[in-house]
Structure formats: C-alpha cells, structure tokens
Amino acid sequence: QNTSNWGTSPGTLECDGSSYLCEVTFDRNTYSNLSA
C-alpha cells in the first residue's frame, strides 16, 4: 500500500520469479492512478 515502494521504471529489477510482485499493469480507465 505504500506508494513510495512503487515506481514507473523497472530499474535493476528482474521480473522473472514467482514470489513477490514486480511489474503490475492496470487500466487507468478503471483506476485513475496508482493510489486508486
């Protein structure tokens, strides 16, 4: 829930695992922003 833990660039993240959230894509027509 802490928005400061989220960013708009992957940086050095490798999103090729199965344990923790990494890359998330949502629809801005449904949710206006990350907080929503």
Full PDB file with SEQRES, HELIX, SHEET, SSBOND, CRYST1, ORIGX, SCALE, CONECT and MASTER records, all heavy atoms in Angstrom:
SEQRES   1 A   36  GLN ASN THR SER ASN TRP GLY THR SER PRO GLY THR LEU          
SEQRES   2 A   36  GLU CYS ASP GLY SER SER TYR LEU CYS GLU VAL THR PHE          
SEQRES   3 A   36  ASP ARG ASN THR TYR SER ASN LEU SER ALA                      
HELIX    1 AA1 THR A    3  ASN A    5  5                                   3    
SSBOND   1 CYS A   15    CYS A   22                          1555   1555  1.84  
CRYST1    1.000    1.000    1.000  90.00  90.00  90.00 P 1           1          
ORIGX1      1.000000  0.000000  0.000000        0.00000                         
ORIGX2      0.000000  1.000000  0.000000        0.00000                         
ORIGX3      0.000000  0.000000  1.000000        0.00000                         
SCALE1      1.000000  0.000000  0.000000        0.00000                         
SCALE2      0.000000  1.000000  0.000000        0.00000                         
SCALE3      0.000000  0.000000  1.000000        0.00000                         
ATOM      1  N   GLN A   1       0.808  -1.228   0.000  1.00  0.00           N  
ATOM      2  CA  GLN A   1       0.000   0.000   0.000  1.00  0.00           C  
ATOM      3  C   GLN A   1       0.839   1.275   0.000  1.00  0.00           C  
ATOM      4  O   GLN A   1       0.323   2.346  -0.304  1.00  0.00           O  
ATOM      5  CB  GLN A   1      -0.935   0.006   1.211  1.00  0.00           C  
ATOM      6  CG  GLN A   1      -2.092  -0.961   1.099  1.00  0.00           C  
ATOM      7  CD  GLN A   1      -3.007  -0.621  -0.055  1.00  0.00           C  
ATOM      8  OE1 GLN A   1      -3.482   0.502  -0.179  1.00  0.00           O  
ATOM      9  NE2 GLN A   1      -3.242  -1.578  -0.930  1.00  0.00           N  
ATOM     10  N   ASN A   2       2.103   1.190   0.324  1.00  0.00           N  
ATOM     11  CA  ASN A   2       2.975   2.367   0.370  1.00  0.00           C  
ATOM     12  C   ASN A   2       3.369   2.751  -1.057  1.00  0.00           C  
ATOM     13  O   ASN A   2       4.176   2.081  -1.703  1.00  0.00           O  
ATOM     14  CB  ASN A   2       4.212   2.042   1.209  1.00  0.00           C  
ATOM     15  CG  ASN A   2       5.096   3.245   1.418  1.00  0.00           C  
ATOM     16  OD1 ASN A   2       4.965   4.264   0.740  1.00  0.00           O  
ATOM     17  ND2 ASN A   2       6.013   3.131   2.361  1.00  0.00           N  
ATOM     18  N   THR A   3       2.825   3.845  -1.550  1.00  0.00           N  
ATOM     19  CA  THR A   3       3.071   4.246  -2.941  1.00  0.00           C  
ATOM     20  C   THR A   3       4.537   4.569  -3.213  1.00  0.00           C  
ATOM     21  O   THR A   3       4.967   4.502  -4.358  1.00  0.00           O  
ATOM     22  CB  THR A   3       2.197   5.459  -3.337  1.00  0.00           C  
ATOM     23  OG1 THR A   3       2.443   6.526  -2.427  1.00  0.00           O  
ATOM     24  CG2 THR A   3       0.728   5.095  -3.350  1.00  0.00           C  
ATOM     25  N   SER A   4       5.306   4.898  -2.181  1.00  0.00           N  
ATOM     26  CA  SER A   4       6.724   5.189  -2.418  1.00  0.00           C  
ATOM     27  C   SER A   4       7.512   3.913  -2.741  1.00  0.00           C  
ATOM     28  O   SER A   4       8.656   3.988  -3.195  1.00  0.00           O  
ATOM     29  CB  SER A   4       7.343   5.907  -1.216  1.00  0.00           C  
ATOM     30  OG  SER A   4       7.335   5.065  -0.084  1.00  0.00           O  
ATOM     31  N   ASN A   5       6.912   2.736  -2.532  1.00  0.00           N  
ATOM     32  CA  ASN A   5       7.560   1.475  -2.896  1.00  0.00           C  
ATOM     33  C   ASN A   5       7.337   1.109  -4.362  1.00  0.00           C  
ATOM     34  O   ASN A   5       7.815   0.073  -4.820  1.00  0.00           O  
ATOM     35  CB  ASN A   5       7.039   0.328  -2.012  1.00  0.00           C  
ATOM     36  CG  ASN A   5       7.565   0.420  -0.599  1.00  0.00           C  
ATOM     37  OD1 ASN A   5       8.625   0.991  -0.356  1.00  0.00           O  
ATOM     38  ND2 ASN A   5       6.809  -0.126   0.344  1.00  0.00           N  
ATOM     39  N   TRP A   6       6.603   1.937  -5.063  1.00  0.00           N  
ATOM     40  CA  TRP A   6       6.291   1.688  -6.468  1.00  0.00           C  
ATOM     41  C   TRP A   6       6.972   2.741  -7.333  1.00  0.00           C  
ATOM     42  O   TRP A   6       7.098   3.886  -6.950  1.00  0.00           O  
ATOM     43  CB  TRP A   6       4.779   1.752  -6.699  1.00  0.00           C  
ATOM     44  CG  TRP A   6       4.009   0.686  -5.977  1.00  0.00           C  
ATOM     45  CD1 TRP A   6       3.582   0.703  -4.682  1.00  0.00           C  
ATOM     46  CD2 TRP A   6       3.590  -0.561  -6.507  1.00  0.00           C  
ATOM     47  NE1 TRP A   6       2.910  -0.442  -4.372  1.00  0.00           N  
ATOM     48  CE2 TRP A   6       2.900  -1.248  -5.477  1.00  0.00           C  
ATOM     49  CE3 TRP A   6       3.719  -1.173  -7.753  1.00  0.00           C  
ATOM     50  CZ2 TRP A   6       2.345  -2.503  -5.661  1.00  0.00           C  
ATOM     51  CZ3 TRP A   6       3.155  -2.430  -7.927  1.00  0.00           C  
ATOM     52  CH2 TRP A   6       2.481  -3.085  -6.894  1.00  0.00           C  
ATOM     53  N   GLY A   7       7.375   2.340  -8.525  1.00  0.00           N  
ATOM     54  CA  GLY A   7       7.977   3.286  -9.464  1.00  0.00           C  
ATOM     55  C   GLY A   7       7.484   3.022 -10.865  1.00  0.00           C  
ATOM     56  O   GLY A   7       6.829   2.015 -11.141  1.00  0.00           O  
ATOM     57  N   THR A   8       7.830   3.935 -11.771  1.00  0.00           N  
ATOM     58  CA  THR A   8       7.378   3.792 -13.159  1.00  0.00           C  
ATOM     59  C   THR A   8       8.453   3.214 -14.072  1.00  0.00           C  
ATOM     60  O   THR A   8       8.217   3.027 -15.254  1.00  0.00           O  
ATOM     61  CB  THR A   8       6.910   5.145 -13.721  1.00  0.00           C  
ATOM     62  OG1 THR A   8       7.965   6.093 -13.559  1.00  0.00           O  
ATOM     63  CG2 THR A   8       5.655   5.622 -13.002  1.00  0.00           C  
ATOM     64  N   SER A   9       9.637   2.921 -13.511  1.00  0.00           N  
ATOM     65  CA  SER A   9      10.668   2.275 -14.324  1.00  0.00           C  
ATOM     66  C   SER A   9      11.184   1.049 -13.571  1.00  0.00           C  
ATOM     67  O   SER A   9      11.246   1.046 -12.343  1.00  0.00           O  
ATOM     68  CB  SER A   9      11.789   3.250 -14.656  1.00  0.00           C  
ATOM     69  OG  SER A   9      12.826   3.162 -13.725  1.00  0.00           O  
ATOM     70  N   PRO A  10      11.569   0.014 -14.305  1.00  0.00           N  
ATOM     71  CA  PRO A  10      11.985  -1.215 -13.646  1.00  0.00           C  
ATOM     72  C   PRO A  10      13.343  -1.108 -12.951  1.00  0.00           C  
ATOM     73  O   PRO A  10      13.641  -1.901 -12.059  1.00  0.00           O  
ATOM     74  CB  PRO A  10      12.028  -2.235 -14.775  1.00  0.00           C  
ATOM     75  CG  PRO A  10      12.195  -1.443 -16.013  1.00  0.00           C  
ATOM     76  CD  PRO A  10      11.537  -0.118 -15.749  1.00  0.00           C  
ATOM     77  N   GLY A  11      14.144  -0.132 -13.345  1.00  0.00           N  
ATOM     78  CA  GLY A  11      15.469  -0.022 -12.749  1.00  0.00           C  
ATOM     79  C   GLY A  11      16.235  -1.317 -12.963  1.00  0.00           C  
ATOM     80  O   GLY A  11      16.350  -1.804 -14.077  1.00  0.00           O  
ATOM     81  N   THR A  12      16.723  -1.907 -11.880  1.00  0.00           N  
ATOM     82  CA  THR A  12      17.501  -3.145 -11.989  1.00  0.00           C  
ATOM     83  C   THR A  12      16.666  -4.384 -11.666  1.00  0.00           C  
ATOM     84  O   THR A  12      17.217  -5.476 -11.529  1.00  0.00           O  
ATOM     85  CB  THR A  12      18.707  -3.089 -11.030  1.00  0.00           C  
ATOM     86  OG1 THR A  12      18.222  -2.918  -9.692  1.00  0.00           O  
ATOM     87  CG2 THR A  12      19.639  -1.945 -11.389  1.00  0.00           C  
ATOM     88  N   LEU A  13      15.358  -4.223 -11.536  1.00  0.00           N  
ATOM     89  CA  LEU A  13      14.501  -5.364 -11.204  1.00  0.00           C  
ATOM     90  C   LEU A  13      14.504  -6.396 -12.328  1.00  0.00           C  
ATOM     91  O   LEU A  13      14.487  -6.061 -13.502  1.00  0.00           O  
ATOM     92  CB  LEU A  13      13.055  -4.907 -10.985  1.00  0.00           C  
ATOM     93  CG  LEU A  13      12.752  -4.130  -9.725  1.00  0.00           C  
ATOM     94  CD1 LEU A  13      11.298  -3.685  -9.738  1.00  0.00           C  
ATOM     95  CD2 LEU A  13      13.019  -4.975  -8.493  1.00  0.00           C  
ATOM     96  N   GLU A  14      14.511  -7.651 -11.933  1.00  0.00           N  
ATOM     97  CA  GLU A  14      14.329  -8.743 -12.879  1.00  0.00           C  
ATOM     98  C   GLU A  14      13.023  -9.443 -12.513  1.00  0.00           C  
ATOM     99  O   GLU A  14      12.934 -10.120 -11.497  1.00  0.00           O  
ATOM    100  CB  GLU A  14      15.505  -9.708 -12.820  1.00  0.00           C  
ATOM    101  CG  GLU A  14      16.786  -9.086 -13.330  1.00  0.00           C  
ATOM    102  CD  GLU A  14      17.940 -10.076 -13.353  1.00  0.00           C  
ATOM    103  OE1 GLU A  14      17.686 -11.298 -13.389  1.00  0.00           O  
ATOM    104  OE2 GLU A  14      19.073  -9.606 -13.328  1.00  0.00           O  
ATOM    105  N   CYS A  15      12.013  -9.246 -13.326  1.00  0.00           N  
ATOM    106  CA  CYS A  15      10.677  -9.764 -13.037  1.00  0.00           C  
ATOM    107  C   CYS A  15      10.506 -11.142 -13.668  1.00  0.00           C  
ATOM    108  O   CYS A  15       9.713 -11.336 -14.583  1.00  0.00           O  
ATOM    109  CB  CYS A  15       9.626  -8.789 -13.564  1.00  0.00           C  
ATOM    110  SG  CYS A  15       9.706  -7.165 -12.795  1.00  0.00           S  
ATOM    111  N   ASP A  16      11.277 -12.091 -13.160  1.00  0.00           N  
ATOM    112  CA  ASP A  16      11.226 -13.431 -13.740  1.00  0.00           C  
ATOM    113  C   ASP A  16      11.098 -14.513 -12.669  1.00  0.00           C  
ATOM    114  O   ASP A  16      11.538 -15.628 -12.841  1.00  0.00           O  
ATOM    115  CB  ASP A  16      12.456 -13.687 -14.610  1.00  0.00           C  
ATOM    116  CG  ASP A  16      13.759 -13.532 -13.830  1.00  0.00           C  
ATOM    117  OD1 ASP A  16      13.709 -13.221 -12.620  1.00  0.00           O  
ATOM    118  OD2 ASP A  16      14.831 -13.722 -14.431  1.00  0.00           O  
ATOM    119  N   GLY A  17      10.448 -14.169 -11.563  1.00  0.00           N  
ATOM    120  CA  GLY A  17      10.289 -15.125 -10.469  1.00  0.00           C  
ATOM    121  C   GLY A  17       8.829 -15.454 -10.228  1.00  0.00           C  
ATOM    122  O   GLY A  17       7.987 -15.318 -11.116  1.00  0.00           O  
ATOM    123  N   SER A  18       8.546 -15.852  -8.976  1.00  0.00           N  
ATOM    124  CA  SER A  18       7.167 -16.228  -8.660  1.00  0.00           C  
ATOM    125  C   SER A  18       6.729 -15.829  -7.248  1.00  0.00           C  
ATOM    126  O   SER A  18       5.594 -16.067  -6.887  1.00  0.00           O  
ATOM    127  CB  SER A  18       6.992 -17.735  -8.830  1.00  0.00           C  
ATOM    128  OG  SER A  18       7.865 -18.420  -7.944  1.00  0.00           O  
ATOM    129  N   SER A  19       7.602 -15.205  -6.475  1.00  0.00           N  
ATOM    130  CA  SER A  19       7.287 -14.969  -5.059  1.00  0.00           C  
ATOM    131  C   SER A  19       6.658 -13.618  -4.759  1.00  0.00           C  
ATOM    132  O   SER A  19       5.689 -13.534  -4.014  1.00  0.00           O  
ATOM    133  CB  SER A  19       8.554 -15.106  -4.214  1.00  0.00           C  
ATOM    134  OG  SER A  19       9.071 -16.403  -4.355  1.00  0.00           O  
ATOM    135  N   TYR A  20       7.233 -12.555  -5.280  1.00  0.00           N  
ATOM    136  CA  TYR A  20       6.813 -11.201  -4.919  1.00  0.00           C  
ATOM    137  C   TYR A  20       6.343 -10.436  -6.146  1.00  0.00           C  
ATOM    138  O   TYR A  20       6.795 -10.678  -7.263  1.00  0.00           O  
ATOM    139  CB  TYR A  20       7.980 -10.445  -4.274  1.00  0.00           C  
ATOM    140  CG  TYR A  20       8.596 -11.178  -3.118  1.00  0.00           C  
ATOM    141  CD1 TYR A  20       9.850 -11.769  -3.239  1.00  0.00           C  
ATOM    142  CD2 TYR A  20       7.920 -11.299  -1.908  1.00  0.00           C  
ATOM    143  CE1 TYR A  20      10.420 -12.464  -2.180  1.00  0.00           C  
ATOM    144  CE2 TYR A  20       8.486 -11.993  -0.843  1.00  0.00           C  
ATOM    145  CZ  TYR A  20       9.734 -12.572  -0.988  1.00  0.00           C  
ATOM    146  OH  TYR A  20      10.296 -13.257   0.061  1.00  0.00           O  
ATOM    147  N   LEU A  21       5.452  -9.470  -5.903  1.00  0.00           N  
ATOM    148  CA  LEU A  21       5.007  -8.610  -7.007  1.00  0.00           C  
ATOM    149  C   LEU A  21       6.202  -7.894  -7.597  1.00  0.00           C  
ATOM    150  O   LEU A  21       7.134  -7.513  -6.888  1.00  0.00           O  
ATOM    151  CB  LEU A  21       4.004  -7.571  -6.498  1.00  0.00           C  
ATOM    152  CG  LEU A  21       2.655  -8.095  -6.017  1.00  0.00           C  
ATOM    153  CD1 LEU A  21       1.862  -6.967  -5.368  1.00  0.00           C  
ATOM    154  CD2 LEU A  21       1.880  -8.704  -7.166  1.00  0.00           C  
ATOM    155  N   CYS A  22       6.170  -7.681  -8.890  1.00  0.00           N  
ATOM    156  CA  CYS A  22       7.252  -6.960  -9.546  1.00  0.00           C  
ATOM    157  C   CYS A  22       6.661  -5.925 -10.503  1.00  0.00           C  
ATOM    158  O   CYS A  22       6.610  -4.753 -10.195  1.00  0.00           O  
ATOM    159  CB  CYS A  22       8.167  -7.937 -10.284  1.00  0.00           C  
ATOM    160  SG  CYS A  22       9.648  -7.158 -10.960  1.00  0.00           S  
ATOM    161  N   GLU A  23       6.195  -6.378 -11.660  1.00  0.00           N  
ATOM    162  CA  GLU A  23       5.618  -5.480 -12.661  1.00  0.00           C  
ATOM    163  C   GLU A  23       4.106  -5.660 -12.670  1.00  0.00           C  
ATOM    164  O   GLU A  23       3.619  -6.779 -12.825  1.00  0.00           O  
ATOM    165  CB  GLU A  23       6.198  -5.810 -14.033  1.00  0.00           C  
ATOM    166  CG  GLU A  23       5.661  -4.931 -15.145  1.00  0.00           C  
ATOM    167  CD  GLU A  23       6.212  -5.348 -16.496  1.00  0.00           C  
ATOM    168  OE1 GLU A  23       7.291  -4.883 -16.854  1.00  0.00           O  
ATOM    169  OE2 GLU A  23       5.544  -6.164 -17.168  1.00  0.00           O  
ATOM    170  N   VAL A  24       3.381  -4.569 -12.512  1.00  0.00           N  
ATOM    171  CA  VAL A  24       1.917  -4.621 -12.470  1.00  0.00           C  
ATOM    172  C   VAL A  24       1.372  -3.611 -13.469  1.00  0.00           C  
ATOM    173  O   VAL A  24       1.780  -2.443 -13.466  1.00  0.00           O  
ATOM    174  CB  VAL A  24       1.389  -4.306 -11.052  1.00  0.00           C  
ATOM    175  CG1 VAL A  24      -0.128  -4.256 -11.043  1.00  0.00           C  
ATOM    176  CG2 VAL A  24       1.899  -5.326 -10.048  1.00  0.00           C  
ATOM    177  N   THR A  25       0.465  -4.049 -14.319  1.00  0.00           N  
ATOM    178  CA  THR A  25      -0.175  -3.156 -15.284  1.00  0.00           C  
ATOM    179  C   THR A  25      -1.669  -3.123 -14.972  1.00  0.00           C  
ATOM    180  O   THR A  25      -2.306  -4.162 -14.833  1.00  0.00           O  
ATOM    181  CB  THR A  25       0.046  -3.647 -16.726  1.00  0.00           C  
ATOM    182  OG1 THR A  25       1.458  -3.725 -16.969  1.00  0.00           O  
ATOM    183  CG2 THR A  25      -0.583  -2.697 -17.731  1.00  0.00           C  
ATOM    184  N   PHE A  26      -2.206  -1.895 -14.840  1.00  0.00           N  
ATOM    185  CA  PHE A  26      -3.643  -1.736 -14.588  1.00  0.00           C  
ATOM    186  C   PHE A  26      -4.214  -0.737 -15.574  1.00  0.00           C  
ATOM    187  O   PHE A  26      -3.481  -0.015 -16.249  1.00  0.00           O  
ATOM    188  CB  PHE A  26      -3.912  -1.315 -13.132  1.00  0.00           C  
ATOM    189  CG  PHE A  26      -3.333   0.013 -12.739  1.00  0.00           C  
ATOM    190  CD1 PHE A  26      -4.042   1.187 -12.896  1.00  0.00           C  
ATOM    191  CD2 PHE A  26      -2.051   0.094 -12.187  1.00  0.00           C  
ATOM    192  CE1 PHE A  26      -3.515   2.412 -12.530  1.00  0.00           C  
ATOM    193  CE2 PHE A  26      -1.501   1.300 -11.810  1.00  0.00           C  
ATOM    194  CZ  PHE A  26      -2.233   2.467 -11.983  1.00  0.00           C  
ATOM    195  N   ASP A  27      -5.537  -0.706 -15.663  1.00  0.00           N  
ATOM    196  CA  ASP A  27      -6.242   0.158 -16.615  1.00  0.00           C  
ATOM    197  C   ASP A  27      -6.592   1.490 -15.951  1.00  0.00           C  
ATOM    198  O   ASP A  27      -7.310   1.532 -14.963  1.00  0.00           O  
ATOM    199  CB  ASP A  27      -7.510  -0.546 -17.097  1.00  0.00           C  
ATOM    200  CG  ASP A  27      -8.258   0.236 -18.158  1.00  0.00           C  
ATOM    201  OD1 ASP A  27      -7.788   1.306 -18.585  1.00  0.00           O  
ATOM    202  OD2 ASP A  27      -9.339  -0.228 -18.565  1.00  0.00           O  
ATOM    203  N   ARG A  28      -6.083   2.586 -16.512  1.00  0.00           N  
ATOM    204  CA  ARG A  28      -6.378   3.912 -15.953  1.00  0.00           C  
ATOM    205  C   ARG A  28      -7.821   4.346 -16.189  1.00  0.00           C  
ATOM    206  O   ARG A  28      -8.274   5.307 -15.583  1.00  0.00           O  
ATOM    207  CB  ARG A  28      -5.410   4.956 -16.510  1.00  0.00           C  
ATOM    208  CG  ARG A  28      -4.049   4.869 -15.863  1.00  0.00           C  
ATOM    209  CD  ARG A  28      -3.190   6.016 -16.262  1.00  0.00           C  
ATOM    210  NE  ARG A  28      -2.681   5.762 -17.606  1.00  0.00           N  
ATOM    211  CZ  ARG A  28      -1.574   6.288 -18.084  1.00  0.00           C  
ATOM    212  NH1 ARG A  28      -0.868   7.110 -17.358  1.00  0.00           N  
ATOM    213  NH2 ARG A  28      -1.177   6.006 -19.303  1.00  0.00           N  
ATOM    214  N   ASN A  29      -8.543   3.662 -17.050  1.00  0.00           N  
ATOM    215  CA  ASN A  29      -9.978   3.956 -17.192  1.00  0.00           C  
ATOM    216  C   ASN A  29     -10.751   3.431 -15.990  1.00  0.00           C  
ATOM    217  O   ASN A  29     -11.820   3.931 -15.661  1.00  0.00           O  
ATOM    218  CB  ASN A  29     -10.539   3.341 -18.472  1.00  0.00           C  
ATOM    219  CG  ASN A  29     -10.013   4.031 -19.710  1.00  0.00           C  
ATOM    220  OD1 ASN A  29      -9.818   5.238 -19.714  1.00  0.00           O  
ATOM    221  ND2 ASN A  29      -9.752   3.278 -20.751  1.00  0.00           N  
ATOM    222  N   THR A  30     -10.216   2.401 -15.345  1.00  0.00           N  
ATOM    223  CA  THR A  30     -10.848   1.821 -14.162  1.00  0.00           C  
ATOM    224  C   THR A  30     -10.309   2.455 -12.887  1.00  0.00           C  
ATOM    225  O   THR A  30     -11.058   2.765 -11.973  1.00  0.00           O  
ATOM    226  CB  THR A  30     -10.617   0.299 -14.129  1.00  0.00           C  
ATOM    227  OG1 THR A  30     -11.072  -0.257 -15.355  1.00  0.00           O  
ATOM    228  CG2 THR A  30     -11.358  -0.345 -12.971  1.00  0.00           C  
ATOM    229  N   TYR A  31      -9.002   2.640 -12.834  1.00  0.00           N  
ATOM    230  CA  TYR A  31      -8.323   3.234 -11.669  1.00  0.00           C  
ATOM    231  C   TYR A  31      -7.527   4.435 -12.179  1.00  0.00           C  
ATOM    232  O   TYR A  31      -6.613   4.268 -12.977  1.00  0.00           O  
ATOM    233  CB  TYR A  31      -7.374   2.216 -11.029  1.00  0.00           C  
ATOM    234  CG  TYR A  31      -8.007   0.883 -10.751  1.00  0.00           C  
ATOM    235  CD1 TYR A  31      -7.796  -0.208 -11.594  1.00  0.00           C  
ATOM    236  CD2 TYR A  31      -8.826   0.696  -9.643  1.00  0.00           C  
ATOM    237  CE1 TYR A  31      -8.374  -1.441 -11.334  1.00  0.00           C  
ATOM    238  CE2 TYR A  31      -9.408  -0.529  -9.378  1.00  0.00           C  
ATOM    239  CZ  TYR A  31      -9.176  -1.596 -10.239  1.00  0.00           C  
ATOM    240  OH  TYR A  31      -9.755  -2.808  -9.981  1.00  0.00           O  
ATOM    241  N   SER A  32      -7.870   5.621 -11.725  1.00  0.00           N  
ATOM    242  CA  SER A  32      -7.272   6.834 -12.281  1.00  0.00           C  
ATOM    243  C   SER A  32      -5.772   6.952 -12.040  1.00  0.00           C  
ATOM    244  O   SER A  32      -5.058   7.568 -12.820  1.00  0.00           O  
ATOM    245  CB  SER A  32      -7.987   8.072 -11.730  1.00  0.00           C  
ATOM    246  OG  SER A  32      -7.905   8.078 -10.315  1.00  0.00           O  
ATOM    247  N   ASN A  33      -5.289   6.356 -10.955  1.00  0.00           N  
ATOM    248  CA  ASN A  33      -3.857   6.440 -10.650  1.00  0.00           C  
ATOM    249  C   ASN A  33      -3.476   5.282  -9.739  1.00  0.00           C  
ATOM    250  O   ASN A  33      -4.313   4.463  -9.365  1.00  0.00           O  
ATOM    251  CB  ASN A  33      -3.506   7.794 -10.011  1.00  0.00           C  
ATOM    252  CG  ASN A  33      -4.342   8.073  -8.777  1.00  0.00           C  
ATOM    253  OD1 ASN A  33      -4.646   7.176  -7.993  1.00  0.00           O  
ATOM    254  ND2 ASN A  33      -4.744   9.327  -8.601  1.00  0.00           N  
ATOM    255  N   LEU A  34      -2.200   5.228  -9.374  1.00  0.00           N  
ATOM    256  CA  LEU A  34      -1.713   4.131  -8.537  1.00  0.00           C  
ATOM    257  C   LEU A  34      -2.420   4.092  -7.189  1.00  0.00           C  
ATOM    258  O   LEU A  34      -2.790   3.016  -6.708  1.00  0.00           O  
ATOM    259  CB  LEU A  34      -0.192   4.261  -8.343  1.00  0.00           C  
ATOM    260  CG  LEU A  34       0.449   3.235  -7.415  1.00  0.00           C  
ATOM    261  CD1 LEU A  34       0.239   1.814  -7.931  1.00  0.00           C  
ATOM    262  CD2 LEU A  34       1.923   3.543  -7.229  1.00  0.00           C  
ATOM    263  N   SER A  35      -2.628   5.244  -6.578  1.00  0.00           N  
ATOM    264  CA  SER A  35      -3.302   5.273  -5.275  1.00  0.00           C  
ATOM    265  C   SER A  35      -4.694   4.661  -5.349  1.00  0.00           C  
ATOM    266  O   SER A  35      -5.095   3.890  -4.476  1.00  0.00           O  
ATOM    267  CB  SER A  35      -3.396   6.703  -4.753  1.00  0.00           C  
ATOM    268  OG  SER A  35      -2.116   7.191  -4.455  1.00  0.00           O  
ATOM    269  N   ALA A  36      -5.440   5.000  -6.389  1.00  0.00           N  
ATOM    270  CA  ALA A  36      -6.790   4.445  -6.560  1.00  0.00           C  
ATOM    271  C   ALA A  36      -6.726   2.928  -6.770  1.00  0.00           C  
ATOM    272  O   ALA A  36      -7.544   2.180  -6.226  1.00  0.00           O  
ATOM    273  CB  ALA A  36      -7.494   5.114  -7.733  1.00  0.00           C  
TER     274      ALA A  36                                                      
CONECT  110  160                                                                
CONECT  160  110                                                                
MASTER        0    0    0    1    0    0    0    6  273    1    2    3          
END                                                                             
